[in-house]
Amino acid sequence: MDWEWLLIVAGYALGSFPSAVLVGGYTGQDPSKKGSQNPGASNTYRVAGRWPAAWVLAGDVGKGVIAAGLGLAAGGYLLGAAVGAAAVLGHILPIARWRSGGKGVATCGGILLVLTPVVAAILLGIWGGTLALTKRAAAASLAATAAVPPAVAVQGWPASQVGIMIGLTVVVIARHHENIRRMWLRDEPAIV
């Protein structure tokens, strides 16, 4: 139906909302122009500190929560996953800042928080445990992201929804290609 596509487009627009740029404008430390130049919570933490990073994290998770929640309310779990996925793509490839989007991890977390809170809690544990072991936010994000498809498959999601999550996982991991290269070279900066 046309309204479902309109909702998906709205999800993309919501995902394009520049949480980090707005927080950076308020603090005077724009993470899209400093550090790794990634407008996410980890880089915001490095360039602006704990509280700005917390606001960016809340904004990015919130985009996934709102998008998936709207889709879920309007058409069920499949539409929730699709609208949430559109928000992640909007976050990664925002139309107004095509080359300066984020990596999508927190926004994916927001989707899972709405559609499957148990899996979200497990993945948060994987993220936290990996961060504690490696001291690298990228390693934690990659570990949690890689666990998404098997986690939702084990929970019994239908193939269409698992397929959406596999697609998101591939995109988010690909978006971390520079982090993967730096980790391979043992040059990835620690977050803590």
Protein backbone atom coordinates (compact mmCIF):
# COMPACT_ATOMS: atom_id res chain seq x y z
CA MET A 1 0.00 0.00 0.00
CA ASP A 2 1.11 3.56 -0.67
CA TRP A 3 0.84 4.61 2.97
CA GLU A 4 3.33 1.92 3.96
CA TRP A 5 5.90 3.33 1.54
CA LEU A 6 5.19 6.81 2.86
CA LEU A 7 5.89 5.52 6.36
CA ILE A 8 9.17 3.99 5.16
CA VAL A 9 10.16 7.32 3.59
CA ALA A 10 9.25 9.04 6.86
CA GLY A 11 11.49 6.54 8.68
CA TYR A 12 14.38 7.47 6.39
CA ALA A 13 13.76 11.18 7.04
CA LEU A 14 13.68 10.56 10.79
CA GLY A 15 16.94 8.63 10.58
CA SER A 16 18.54 11.60 8.82
CA PHE A 17 17.97 13.79 11.88
CA PRO A 18 21.49 14.94 12.84
CA SER A 19 21.68 14.21 16.58
CA ALA A 20 25.46 14.57 16.81
CA VAL A 21 25.61 17.71 14.68
CA LEU A 22 23.01 19.41 16.87
CA VAL A 23 24.76 18.38 20.07
CA GLY A 24 28.06 19.44 18.53
CA GLY A 25 26.63 22.84 17.70
CA TYR A 26 25.52 23.26 21.29
CA THR A 27 28.86 22.19 22.80
CA GLY A 28 31.09 23.74 20.16
CA GLN A 29 32.70 20.33 19.54
CA ASP A 30 31.21 18.98 16.30
CA PRO A 31 32.07 15.25 16.09
CA SER A 32 31.42 15.25 12.34
CA LYS A 33 34.47 17.52 11.95
CA LYS A 34 36.76 16.28 14.73
CA GLY A 35 38.27 13.01 15.85
CA SER A 36 37.26 10.21 13.48
CA GLN A 37 34.64 12.59 12.01
CA ASN A 38 31.95 10.01 12.69
CA PRO A 39 28.80 11.61 14.14
CA GLY A 40 28.18 8.87 16.68
CA ALA A 41 28.27 8.56 20.44
CA SER A 42 31.79 7.07 20.60
CA ASN A 43 33.44 9.87 18.67
CA THR A 44 31.34 12.44 20.51
CA TYR A 45 32.66 10.97 23.76
CA ARG A 46 36.21 11.40 22.52
CA VAL A 47 35.83 15.00 21.31
CA ALA A 48 33.18 16.45 23.64
CA GLY A 49 32.86 14.24 26.73
CA ARG A 50 30.42 11.96 28.52
CA TRP A 51 27.21 13.99 28.63
CA PRO A 52 27.22 15.15 25.00
CA ALA A 53 27.87 11.52 24.02
CA ALA A 54 24.92 10.40 26.16
CA TRP A 55 22.65 12.88 24.37
CA VAL A 56 23.85 11.70 20.97
CA LEU A 57 23.32 8.07 22.00
CA ALA A 58 19.80 8.85 23.22
CA GLY A 59 18.99 10.66 19.98
CA ASP A 60 20.30 7.87 17.77
CA VAL A 61 18.57 5.11 19.75
CA GLY A 62 15.42 7.24 19.79
CA LYS A 63 15.35 7.38 15.99
CA GLY A 64 15.20 3.59 15.85
CA VAL A 65 12.62 3.41 18.65
CA ILE A 66 10.28 5.93 17.03
CA ALA A 67 10.60 4.52 13.51
CA ALA A 68 10.13 0.88 14.54
CA GLY A 69 7.34 1.86 16.93
CA LEU A 70 5.44 3.71 14.21
CA GLY A 71 5.79 0.80 11.82
CA LEU A 72 4.78 -1.72 14.46
CA ALA A 73 1.70 0.28 15.44
CA ALA A 74 0.67 0.88 11.84
CA GLY A 75 1.24 -2.55 10.32
CA GLY A 76 2.91 -5.08 12.59
CA TYR A 77 6.40 -6.46 13.04
CA LEU A 78 7.40 -6.62 9.37
CA LEU A 79 6.53 -2.96 8.80
CA GLY A 80 8.20 -2.08 12.08
CA ALA A 81 11.41 -3.72 10.88
CA ALA A 82 11.15 -2.05 7.46
CA VAL A 83 10.52 1.47 8.81
CA GLY A 84 13.27 0.95 11.39
CA ALA A 85 15.65 -0.20 8.65
CA ALA A 86 14.83 2.95 6.68
CA ALA A 87 15.76 5.02 9.75
CA VAL A 88 19.12 3.23 9.96
CA LEU A 89 19.77 3.95 6.28
CA GLY A 90 18.80 7.57 6.85
CA HIS A 91 21.25 7.72 9.73
CA ILE A 92 24.07 6.18 7.66
CA LEU A 93 23.34 8.01 4.39
CA PRO A 94 21.44 11.19 5.24
CA ILE A 95 20.21 12.99 2.14
CA ALA A 96 21.54 16.38 3.25
CA ARG A 97 24.93 15.05 4.46
CA TRP A 98 25.49 12.09 2.15
CA ARG A 99 29.10 11.40 3.11
CA SER A 100 28.87 12.27 6.80
CA GLY A 101 26.37 9.85 8.30
CA GLY A 102 26.86 7.60 11.30
CA LYS A 103 27.39 3.87 11.50
CA GLY A 104 23.90 2.81 12.53
CA VAL A 105 24.60 0.69 15.61
CA ALA A 106 22.59 2.73 18.13
CA THR A 107 19.68 3.20 15.72
CA CYS A 108 19.61 -0.58 15.12
CA GLY A 109 19.56 -0.98 18.88
CA GLY A 110 16.48 1.22 19.03
CA ILE A 111 14.70 -1.02 16.52
CA LEU A 112 15.45 -4.13 18.58
CA LEU A 113 14.43 -2.39 21.79
CA VAL A 114 10.93 -2.00 20.35
CA LEU A 115 10.57 -5.25 18.39
CA THR A 116 12.39 -7.64 20.73
CA PRO A 117 13.54 -6.21 24.08
CA VAL A 118 15.00 -9.55 25.23
CA VAL A 119 17.33 -9.73 22.24
CA ALA A 120 18.20 -6.04 22.73
CA ALA A 121 19.21 -6.78 26.33
CA ILE A 122 21.35 -9.76 25.27
CA LEU A 123 23.07 -7.73 22.57
CA LEU A 124 23.71 -4.91 25.02
CA GLY A 125 25.42 -7.48 27.24
CA ILE A 126 27.56 -8.65 24.30
CA TRP A 127 28.44 -5.03 23.52
CA GLY A 128 29.36 -4.27 27.13
CA GLY A 129 31.35 -7.46 27.61
CA THR A 130 33.31 -6.92 24.39
CA LEU A 131 33.99 -3.29 25.31
CA ALA A 132 35.27 -4.36 28.73
CA LEU A 133 37.61 -6.93 27.14
CA THR A 134 38.90 -4.90 24.19
CA LYS A 135 38.44 -1.26 25.27
CA ARG A 136 37.37 -0.62 21.65
CA ALA A 137 33.87 0.65 20.88
CA ALA A 138 34.12 -0.55 17.28
CA ALA A 139 34.92 -4.11 18.37
CA ALA A 140 31.96 -4.04 20.76
CA SER A 141 29.67 -2.69 18.05
CA LEU A 142 30.81 -5.29 15.51
CA ALA A 143 30.35 -8.17 17.97
CA ALA A 144 26.84 -7.07 18.91
CA THR A 145 25.88 -6.37 15.30
CA ALA A 146 27.10 -9.75 14.07
CA ALA A 147 24.94 -11.44 16.71
CA VAL A 148 21.71 -9.78 15.52
CA PRO A 149 20.62 -12.19 12.72
CA PRO A 150 21.17 -15.42 14.69
CA ALA A 151 19.55 -13.90 17.76
CA VAL A 152 16.34 -12.93 15.97
CA ALA A 153 16.31 -16.20 14.01
CA VAL A 154 16.53 -18.22 17.23
CA GLN A 155 13.70 -16.14 18.63
CA GLY A 156 11.55 -17.34 15.73
CA TRP A 157 11.26 -14.28 13.53
CA PRO A 158 9.89 -15.04 10.04
CA ALA A 159 12.34 -15.15 7.14
CA SER A 160 11.29 -11.74 5.80
CA GLN A 161 12.15 -9.99 9.07
CA VAL A 162 15.36 -11.96 9.54
CA GLY A 163 16.28 -10.95 5.98
CA ILE A 164 15.87 -7.27 6.86
CA MET A 165 18.11 -7.70 9.88
CA ILE A 166 20.73 -9.57 7.82
CA GLY A 167 20.72 -6.68 5.34
CA LEU A 168 21.15 -4.14 8.14
CA THR A 169 23.94 -6.20 9.68
CA VAL A 170 25.85 -6.26 6.38
CA VAL A 171 25.43 -2.50 5.93
CA VAL A 172 26.47 -1.65 9.50
CA ILE A 173 29.53 -3.94 9.38
CA ALA A 174 30.53 -2.51 5.98
CA ARG A 175 30.21 0.98 7.47
CA HIS A 176 32.89 -0.06 9.99
CA HIS A 177 35.45 -0.90 7.28
CA GLU A 178 37.89 1.76 8.46
CA ASN A 179 37.64 0.54 12.06
CA ILE A 180 38.24 -3.04 10.90
CA ARG A 181 41.35 -1.90 9.01
CA ARG A 182 42.63 0.01 12.04
CA MET A 183 41.98 -2.95 14.34
CA TRP A 184 43.88 -5.19 11.93
CA LEU A 185 46.78 -2.73 12.09
CA ARG A 186 46.35 -2.41 15.88
CA ASP A 187 45.77 1.29 15.44
CA GLU A 188 42.14 1.60 16.63
CA PRO A 189 41.89 4.11 19.52
CA ALA A 190 40.58 2.96 22.88
CA ILE A 191 37.35 4.43 24.19
CA VAL A 192 38.05 3.95 27.90
